[in-house]
Amino acid sequence: EIGFKNIIGIEKNIDYVINTKKKFQDNK
């Protein structure tokens, strides 16, 4: 929403990684 052009998320918990990738799977 703020308008960042490149977003990097760092996460140790694999379940959160999988869920987040699924939520944003169409986001480049």
PDB file of all heavy atoms in Angstrom:
ATOM      1  N   GLU A   1       0.821  -1.211   0.000  1.00  0.00           N
ATOM      2  CA  GLU A   1       0.000   0.000   0.000  1.00  0.00           C
ATOM      3  C   GLU A   1       0.852   1.257   0.000  1.00  0.00           C
ATOM      4  O   GLU A   1       0.510   2.243  -0.651  1.00  0.00           O
ATOM      5  CB  GLU A   1      -0.931   0.005   1.220  1.00  0.00           C
ATOM      6  CG  GLU A   1      -2.156  -0.879   1.079  1.00  0.00           C
ATOM      7  CD  GLU A   1      -3.168  -0.624   2.176  1.00  0.00           C
ATOM      8  OE1 GLU A   1      -2.942   0.279   3.011  1.00  0.00           O
ATOM      9  OE2 GLU A   1      -4.196  -1.312   2.194  1.00  0.00           O
ATOM     10  N   ILE A   2       1.950   1.227   0.734  1.00  0.00           N
ATOM     11  CA  ILE A   2       2.843   2.393   0.780  1.00  0.00           C
ATOM     12  C   ILE A   2       3.452   2.654  -0.586  1.00  0.00           C
ATOM     13  O   ILE A   2       3.657   3.796  -0.981  1.00  0.00           O
ATOM     14  CB  ILE A   2       3.944   2.179   1.839  1.00  0.00           C
ATOM     15  CG1 ILE A   2       3.326   2.252   3.240  1.00  0.00           C
ATOM     16  CG2 ILE A   2       5.057   3.218   1.707  1.00  0.00           C
ATOM     17  CD1 ILE A   2       4.262   1.829   4.349  1.00  0.00           C
ATOM     18  N   GLY A   3       3.738   1.575  -1.329  1.00  0.00           N
ATOM     19  CA  GLY A   3       4.249   1.740  -2.679  1.00  0.00           C
ATOM     20  C   GLY A   3       5.665   1.262  -2.904  1.00  0.00           C
ATOM     21  O   GLY A   3       6.308   1.653  -3.886  1.00  0.00           O
ATOM     22  N   PHE A   4       6.173   0.397  -2.026  1.00  0.00           N
ATOM     23  CA  PHE A   4       7.524  -0.135  -2.221  1.00  0.00           C
ATOM     24  C   PHE A   4       7.566  -0.996  -3.481  1.00  0.00           C
ATOM     25  O   PHE A   4       6.651  -1.759  -3.766  1.00  0.00           O
ATOM     26  CB  PHE A   4       7.957  -0.956  -1.013  1.00  0.00           C
ATOM     27  CG  PHE A   4       8.314  -0.123   0.190  1.00  0.00           C
ATOM     28  CD1 PHE A   4       7.443  -0.017   1.264  1.00  0.00           C
ATOM     29  CD2 PHE A   4       9.514   0.564   0.236  1.00  0.00           C
ATOM     30  CE1 PHE A   4       7.765   0.752   2.367  1.00  0.00           C
ATOM     31  CE2 PHE A   4       9.859   1.344   1.328  1.00  0.00           C
ATOM     32  CZ  PHE A   4       8.970   1.439   2.402  1.00  0.00           C
ATOM     33  N   LYS A   5       8.661  -0.862  -4.209  1.00  0.00           N
ATOM     34  CA  LYS A   5       8.798  -1.537  -5.505  1.00  0.00           C
ATOM     35  C   LYS A   5       9.407  -2.927  -5.383  1.00  0.00           C
ATOM     36  O   LYS A   5       9.261  -3.758  -6.277  1.00  0.00           O
ATOM     37  CB  LYS A   5       9.647  -0.671  -6.433  1.00  0.00           C
ATOM     38  CG  LYS A   5       9.096   0.748  -6.626  1.00  0.00           C
ATOM     39  CD  LYS A   5      10.071   1.620  -7.382  1.00  0.00           C
ATOM     40  CE  LYS A   5       9.571   3.048  -7.492  1.00  0.00           C
ATOM     41  NZ  LYS A   5       9.518   3.739  -6.176  1.00  0.00           N
ATOM     42  N   ASN A   6      10.138  -3.173  -4.310  1.00  0.00           N
ATOM     43  CA  ASN A   6      10.812  -4.459  -4.108  1.00  0.00           C
ATOM     44  C   ASN A   6      10.677  -4.832  -2.637  1.00  0.00           C
ATOM     45  O   ASN A   6      11.178  -4.117  -1.768  1.00  0.00           O
ATOM     46  CB  ASN A   6      12.283  -4.354  -4.499  1.00  0.00           C
ATOM     47  CG  ASN A   6      13.037  -5.653  -4.282  1.00  0.00           C
ATOM     48  OD1 ASN A   6      12.518  -6.735  -4.529  1.00  0.00           O
ATOM     49  ND2 ASN A   6      14.272  -5.548  -3.803  1.00  0.00           N
ATOM     50  N   ILE A   7       9.994  -5.934  -2.353  1.00  0.00           N
ATOM     51  CA  ILE A   7       9.712  -6.321  -0.974  1.00  0.00           C
ATOM     52  C   ILE A   7      10.345  -7.678  -0.690  1.00  0.00           C
ATOM     53  O   ILE A   7      10.136  -8.644  -1.427  1.00  0.00           O
ATOM     54  CB  ILE A   7       8.194  -6.384  -0.727  1.00  0.00           C
ATOM     55  CG1 ILE A   7       7.580  -4.991  -0.942  1.00  0.00           C
ATOM     56  CG2 ILE A   7       7.890  -6.907   0.677  1.00  0.00           C
ATOM     57  CD1 ILE A   7       6.072  -4.984  -0.916  1.00  0.00           C
ATOM     58  N   ILE A   8      11.136  -7.730   0.380  1.00  0.00           N
ATOM     59  CA  ILE A   8      11.817  -8.960   0.766  1.00  0.00           C
ATOM     60  C   ILE A   8      11.391  -9.326   2.183  1.00  0.00           C
ATOM     61  O   ILE A   8      11.572  -8.544   3.122  1.00  0.00           O
ATOM     62  CB  ILE A   8      13.342  -8.808   0.708  1.00  0.00           C
ATOM     63  CG1 ILE A   8      13.787  -8.433  -0.709  1.00  0.00           C
ATOM     64  CG2 ILE A   8      14.032 -10.097   1.168  1.00  0.00           C
ATOM     65  CD1 ILE A   8      15.261  -8.093  -0.814  1.00  0.00           C
ATOM     66  N   GLY A   9      10.808 -10.513   2.340  1.00  0.00           N
ATOM     67  CA  GLY A   9      10.437 -11.016   3.650  1.00  0.00           C
ATOM     68  C   GLY A   9      11.384 -12.122   4.072  1.00  0.00           C
ATOM     69  O   GLY A   9      11.719 -12.999   3.271  1.00  0.00           O
ATOM     70  N   ILE A  10      11.814 -12.086   5.322  1.00  0.00           N
ATOM     71  CA  ILE A  10      12.729 -13.098   5.861  1.00  0.00           C
ATOM     72  C   ILE A  10      12.017 -13.815   6.996  1.00  0.00           C
ATOM     73  O   ILE A  10      11.560 -13.167   7.950  1.00  0.00           O
ATOM     74  CB  ILE A  10      14.025 -12.449   6.370  1.00  0.00           C
ATOM     75  CG1 ILE A  10      14.736 -11.703   5.225  1.00  0.00           C
ATOM     76  CG2 ILE A  10      14.955 -13.492   6.986  1.00  0.00           C
ATOM     77  CD1 ILE A  10      15.829 -10.766   5.696  1.00  0.00           C
ATOM     78  N   GLU A  11      11.909 -15.121   6.893  1.00  0.00           N
ATOM     79  CA  GLU A  11      11.133 -15.872   7.883  1.00  0.00           C
ATOM     80  C   GLU A  11      11.756 -17.238   8.145  1.00  0.00           C
ATOM     81  O   GLU A  11      12.081 -17.964   7.211  1.00  0.00           O
ATOM     82  CB  GLU A  11       9.690 -16.037   7.400  1.00  0.00           C
ATOM     83  CG  GLU A  11       8.792 -16.831   8.303  1.00  0.00           C
ATOM     84  CD  GLU A  11       8.731 -16.277   9.720  1.00  0.00           C
ATOM     85  OE1 GLU A  11       8.303 -15.117   9.886  1.00  0.00           O
ATOM     86  OE2 GLU A  11       9.125 -17.015  10.644  1.00  0.00           O
ATOM     87  N   LYS A  12      11.899 -17.580   9.413  1.00  0.00           N
ATOM     88  CA  LYS A  12      12.492 -18.861   9.813  1.00  0.00           C
ATOM     89  C   LYS A  12      11.462 -19.989   9.835  1.00  0.00           C
ATOM     90  O   LYS A  12      11.789 -21.149   9.568  1.00  0.00           O
ATOM     91  CB  LYS A  12      13.121 -18.694  11.199  1.00  0.00           C
ATOM     92  CG  LYS A  12      13.879 -19.910  11.700  1.00  0.00           C
ATOM     93  CD  LYS A  12      14.541 -19.593  13.030  1.00  0.00           C
ATOM     94  CE  LYS A  12      15.339 -20.782  13.545  1.00  0.00           C
ATOM     95  NZ  LYS A  12      16.024 -20.472  14.827  1.00  0.00           N
ATOM     96  N   ASN A  13      10.216 -19.645  10.146  1.00  0.00           N
ATOM     97  CA  ASN A  13       9.150 -20.641  10.269  1.00  0.00           C
ATOM     98  C   ASN A  13       8.635 -21.030   8.888  1.00  0.00           C
ATOM     99  O   ASN A  13       8.068 -20.211   8.178  1.00  0.00           O
ATOM    100  CB  ASN A  13       8.023 -20.068  11.138  1.00  0.00           C
ATOM    101  CG  ASN A  13       6.933 -21.068  11.430  1.00  0.00           C
ATOM    102  OD1 ASN A  13       6.388 -21.698  10.520  1.00  0.00           O
ATOM    103  ND2 ASN A  13       6.585 -21.215  12.697  1.00  0.00           N
ATOM    104  N   ILE A  14       8.811 -22.274   8.498  1.00  0.00           N
ATOM    105  CA  ILE A  14       8.470 -22.708   7.138  1.00  0.00           C
ATOM    106  C   ILE A  14       6.972 -22.591   6.861  1.00  0.00           C
ATOM    107  O   ILE A  14       6.551 -22.319   5.728  1.00  0.00           O
ATOM    108  CB  ILE A  14       8.960 -24.151   6.872  1.00  0.00           C
ATOM    109  CG1 ILE A  14       8.762 -24.531   5.397  1.00  0.00           C
ATOM    110  CG2 ILE A  14       8.290 -25.128   7.807  1.00  0.00           C
ATOM    111  CD1 ILE A  14       9.491 -23.665   4.415  1.00  0.00           C
ATOM    112  N   ASP A  15       6.132 -22.779   7.873  1.00  0.00           N
ATOM    113  CA  ASP A  15       4.679 -22.657   7.669  1.00  0.00           C
ATOM    114  C   ASP A  15       4.306 -21.232   7.274  1.00  0.00           C
ATOM    115  O   ASP A  15       3.468 -21.019   6.392  1.00  0.00           O
ATOM    116  CB  ASP A  15       3.922 -23.073   8.925  1.00  0.00           C
ATOM    117  CG  ASP A  15       4.044 -24.562   9.212  1.00  0.00           C
ATOM    118  OD1 ASP A  15       4.187 -25.336   8.240  1.00  0.00           O
ATOM    119  OD2 ASP A  15       4.006 -24.954  10.386  1.00  0.00           O
ATOM    120  N   TYR A  16       4.919 -20.248   7.933  1.00  0.00           N
ATOM    121  CA  TYR A  16       4.656 -18.852   7.571  1.00  0.00           C
ATOM    122  C   TYR A  16       5.163 -18.549   6.167  1.00  0.00           C
ATOM    123  O   TYR A  16       4.547 -17.794   5.419  1.00  0.00           O
ATOM    124  CB  TYR A  16       5.318 -17.907   8.572  1.00  0.00           C
ATOM    125  CG  TYR A  16       4.717 -17.923   9.957  1.00  0.00           C
ATOM    126  CD1 TYR A  16       5.489 -17.635  11.082  1.00  0.00           C
ATOM    127  CD2 TYR A  16       3.370 -18.215  10.150  1.00  0.00           C
ATOM    128  CE1 TYR A  16       4.948 -17.639  12.358  1.00  0.00           C
ATOM    129  CE2 TYR A  16       2.818 -18.230  11.422  1.00  0.00           C
ATOM    130  CZ  TYR A  16       3.610 -17.931  12.523  1.00  0.00           C
ATOM    131  OH  TYR A  16       3.069 -17.940  13.786  1.00  0.00           O
ATOM    132  N   VAL A  17       6.298 -19.131   5.805  1.00  0.00           N
ATOM    133  CA  VAL A  17       6.845 -18.938   4.460  1.00  0.00           C
ATOM    134  C   VAL A  17       5.866 -19.455   3.411  1.00  0.00           C
ATOM    135  O   VAL A  17       5.542 -18.765   2.437  1.00  0.00           O
ATOM    136  CB  VAL A  17       8.212 -19.648   4.317  1.00  0.00           C
ATOM    137  CG1 VAL A  17       8.670 -19.628   2.859  1.00  0.00           C
ATOM    138  CG2 VAL A  17       9.258 -18.981   5.202  1.00  0.00           C
ATOM    139  N   ILE A  18       5.392 -20.676   3.615  1.00  0.00           N
ATOM    140  CA  ILE A  18       4.469 -21.301   2.655  1.00  0.00           C
ATOM    141  C   ILE A  18       3.175 -20.501   2.553  1.00  0.00           C
ATOM    142  O   ILE A  18       2.685 -20.213   1.453  1.00  0.00           O
ATOM    143  CB  ILE A  18       4.184 -22.760   3.068  1.00  0.00           C
ATOM    144  CG1 ILE A  18       5.450 -23.604   2.912  1.00  0.00           C
ATOM    145  CG2 ILE A  18       3.045 -23.347   2.227  1.00  0.00           C
ATOM    146  CD1 ILE A  18       5.339 -24.984   3.518  1.00  0.00           C
ATOM    147  N   ASN A  19       2.609 -20.130   3.706  1.00  0.00           N
ATOM    148  CA  ASN A  19       1.344 -19.390   3.709  1.00  0.00           C
ATOM    149  C   ASN A  19       1.468 -18.028   3.045  1.00  0.00           C
ATOM    150  O   ASN A  19       0.587 -17.599   2.284  1.00  0.00           O
ATOM    151  CB  ASN A  19       0.839 -19.219   5.144  1.00  0.00           C
ATOM    152  CG  ASN A  19       0.388 -20.528   5.764  1.00  0.00           C
ATOM    153  OD1 ASN A  19       0.093 -21.487   5.051  1.00  0.00           O
ATOM    154  ND2 ASN A  19       0.339 -20.589   7.089  1.00  0.00           N
ATOM    155  N   THR A  20       2.571 -17.329   3.318  1.00  0.00           N
ATOM    156  CA  THR A  20       2.761 -15.997   2.740  1.00  0.00           C
ATOM    157  C   THR A  20       2.977 -16.077   1.235  1.00  0.00           C
ATOM    158  O   THR A  20       2.425 -15.271   0.477  1.00  0.00           O
ATOM    159  CB  THR A  20       3.947 -15.287   3.417  1.00  0.00           C
ATOM    160  OG1 THR A  20       3.688 -15.174   4.824  1.00  0.00           O
ATOM    161  CG2 THR A  20       4.144 -13.888   2.838  1.00  0.00           C
ATOM    162  N   LYS A  21       3.764 -17.034   0.793  1.00  0.00           N
ATOM    163  CA  LYS A  21       3.963 -17.210  -0.643  1.00  0.00           C
ATOM    164  C   LYS A  21       2.642 -17.508  -1.345  1.00  0.00           C
ATOM    165  O   LYS A  21       2.385 -17.017  -2.457  1.00  0.00           O
ATOM    166  CB  LYS A  21       4.969 -18.331  -0.912  1.00  0.00           C
ATOM    167  CG  LYS A  21       6.412 -17.944  -0.637  1.00  0.00           C
ATOM    168  CD  LYS A  21       7.361 -19.084  -1.020  1.00  0.00           C
ATOM    169  CE  LYS A  21       8.805 -18.660  -0.877  1.00  0.00           C
ATOM    170  NZ  LYS A  21       9.748 -19.742  -1.262  1.00  0.00           N
ATOM    171  N   LYS A  22       1.805 -18.286  -0.693  1.00  0.00           N
ATOM    172  CA  LYS A  22       0.505 -18.613  -1.271  1.00  0.00           C
ATOM    173  C   LYS A  22      -0.378 -17.380  -1.360  1.00  0.00           C
ATOM    174  O   LYS A  22      -1.040 -17.141  -2.374  1.00  0.00           O
ATOM    175  CB  LYS A  22      -0.176 -19.699  -0.429  1.00  0.00           C
ATOM    176  CG  LYS A  22      -1.493 -20.185  -1.005  1.00  0.00           C
ATOM    177  CD  LYS A  22      -2.082 -21.314  -0.159  1.00  0.00           C
ATOM    178  CE  LYS A  22      -3.413 -21.786  -0.734  1.00  0.00           C
ATOM    179  NZ  LYS A  22      -3.990 -22.893   0.082  1.00  0.00           N
ATOM    180  N   LYS A  23      -0.396 -16.565  -0.288  1.00  0.00           N
ATOM    181  CA  LYS A  23      -1.220 -15.355  -0.272  1.00  0.00           C
ATOM    182  C   LYS A  23      -0.816 -14.383  -1.370  1.00  0.00           C
ATOM    183  O   LYS A  23      -1.658 -13.702  -1.960  1.00  0.00           O
ATOM    184  CB  LYS A  23      -1.092 -14.645   1.079  1.00  0.00           C
ATOM    185  CG  LYS A  23      -1.834 -15.291   2.212  1.00  0.00           C
ATOM    186  CD  LYS A  23      -1.634 -14.474   3.482  1.00  0.00           C
ATOM    187  CE  LYS A  23      -2.343 -15.119   4.652  1.00  0.00           C
ATOM    188  NZ  LYS A  23      -2.142 -14.377   5.913  1.00  0.00           N
ATOM    189  N   PHE A  24       0.484 -14.285  -1.633  1.00  0.00           N
ATOM    190  CA  PHE A  24       0.999 -13.294  -2.573  1.00  0.00           C
ATOM    191  C   PHE A  24       1.551 -13.941  -3.844  1.00  0.00           C
ATOM    192  O   PHE A  24       2.447 -13.385  -4.479  1.00  0.00           O
ATOM    193  CB  PHE A  24       2.086 -12.457  -1.901  1.00  0.00           C
ATOM    194  CG  PHE A  24       1.607 -11.664  -0.717  1.00  0.00           C
ATOM    195  CD1 PHE A  24       1.724 -12.164   0.568  1.00  0.00           C
ATOM    196  CD2 PHE A  24       1.020 -10.417  -0.892  1.00  0.00           C
ATOM    197  CE1 PHE A  24       1.279 -11.439   1.663  1.00  0.00           C
ATOM    198  CE2 PHE A  24       0.574  -9.680   0.194  1.00  0.00           C
ATOM    199  CZ  PHE A  24       0.705 -10.194   1.472  1.00  0.00           C
ATOM    200  N   GLN A  25       1.023 -15.080  -4.225  1.00  0.00           N
ATOM    201  CA  GLN A  25       1.593 -15.836  -5.329  1.00  0.00           C
ATOM    202  C   GLN A  25       1.534 -15.085  -6.665  1.00  0.00           C
ATOM    203  O   GLN A  25       2.331 -15.354  -7.568  1.00  0.00           O
ATOM    204  CB  GLN A  25       0.879 -17.179  -5.464  1.00  0.00           C
ATOM    205  CG  GLN A  25      -0.605 -17.097  -5.697  1.00  0.00           C
ATOM    206  CD  GLN A  25      -1.270 -18.468  -5.675  1.00  0.00           C
ATOM    207  OE1 GLN A  25      -0.590 -19.496  -5.785  1.00  0.00           O
ATOM    208  NE2 GLN A  25      -2.588 -18.505  -5.532  1.00  0.00           N
ATOM    209  N   ASP A  26       0.617 -14.160  -6.802  1.00  0.00           N
ATOM    210  CA  ASP A  26       0.502 -13.409  -8.055  1.00  0.00           C
ATOM    211  C   ASP A  26       1.214 -12.066  -7.997  1.00  0.00           C
ATOM    212  O   ASP A  26       1.094 -11.260  -8.927  1.00  0.00           O
ATOM    213  CB  ASP A  26      -0.979 -13.180  -8.397  1.00  0.00           C
ATOM    214  CG  ASP A  26      -1.712 -14.491  -8.643  1.00  0.00           C
ATOM    215  OD1 ASP A  26      -1.096 -15.419  -9.198  1.00  0.00           O
ATOM    216  OD2 ASP A  26      -2.899 -14.584  -8.275  1.00  0.00           O
ATOM    217  N   ASN A  27       1.942 -11.821  -6.913  1.00  0.00           N
ATOM    218  CA  ASN A  27       2.596 -10.523  -6.749  1.00  0.00           C
ATOM    219  C   ASN A  27       4.061 -10.599  -7.162  1.00  0.00           C
ATOM    220  O   ASN A  27       4.841 -11.359  -6.595  1.00  0.00           O
ATOM    221  CB  ASN A  27       2.476 -10.057  -5.295  1.00  0.00           C
ATOM    222  CG  ASN A  27       2.830  -8.599  -5.143  1.00  0.00           C
ATOM    223  OD1 ASN A  27       3.980  -8.234  -5.288  1.00  0.00           O
ATOM    224  ND2 ASN A  27       1.834  -7.773  -4.871  1.00  0.00           N
ATOM    225  N   LYS A  28       4.428  -9.792  -8.121  1.00  0.00           N
ATOM    226  CA  LYS A  28       5.794  -9.823  -8.665  1.00  0.00           C
ATOM    227  C   LYS A  28       6.786  -9.009  -7.839  1.00  0.00           C
ATOM    228  O   LYS A  28       7.987  -9.041  -8.097  1.00  0.00           O
ATOM    229  CB  LYS A  28       5.786  -9.307 -10.102  1.00  0.00           C
ATOM    230  CG  LYS A  28       5.331  -7.862 -10.233  1.00  0.00           C
ATOM    231  CD  LYS A  28       5.314  -7.427 -11.684  1.00  0.00           C
ATOM    232  CE  LYS A  28       4.861  -5.965 -11.821  1.00  0.00           C
ATOM    233  NZ  LYS A  28       4.822  -5.528 -13.227  1.00  0.00           N
TER     234      LYS A  28
END
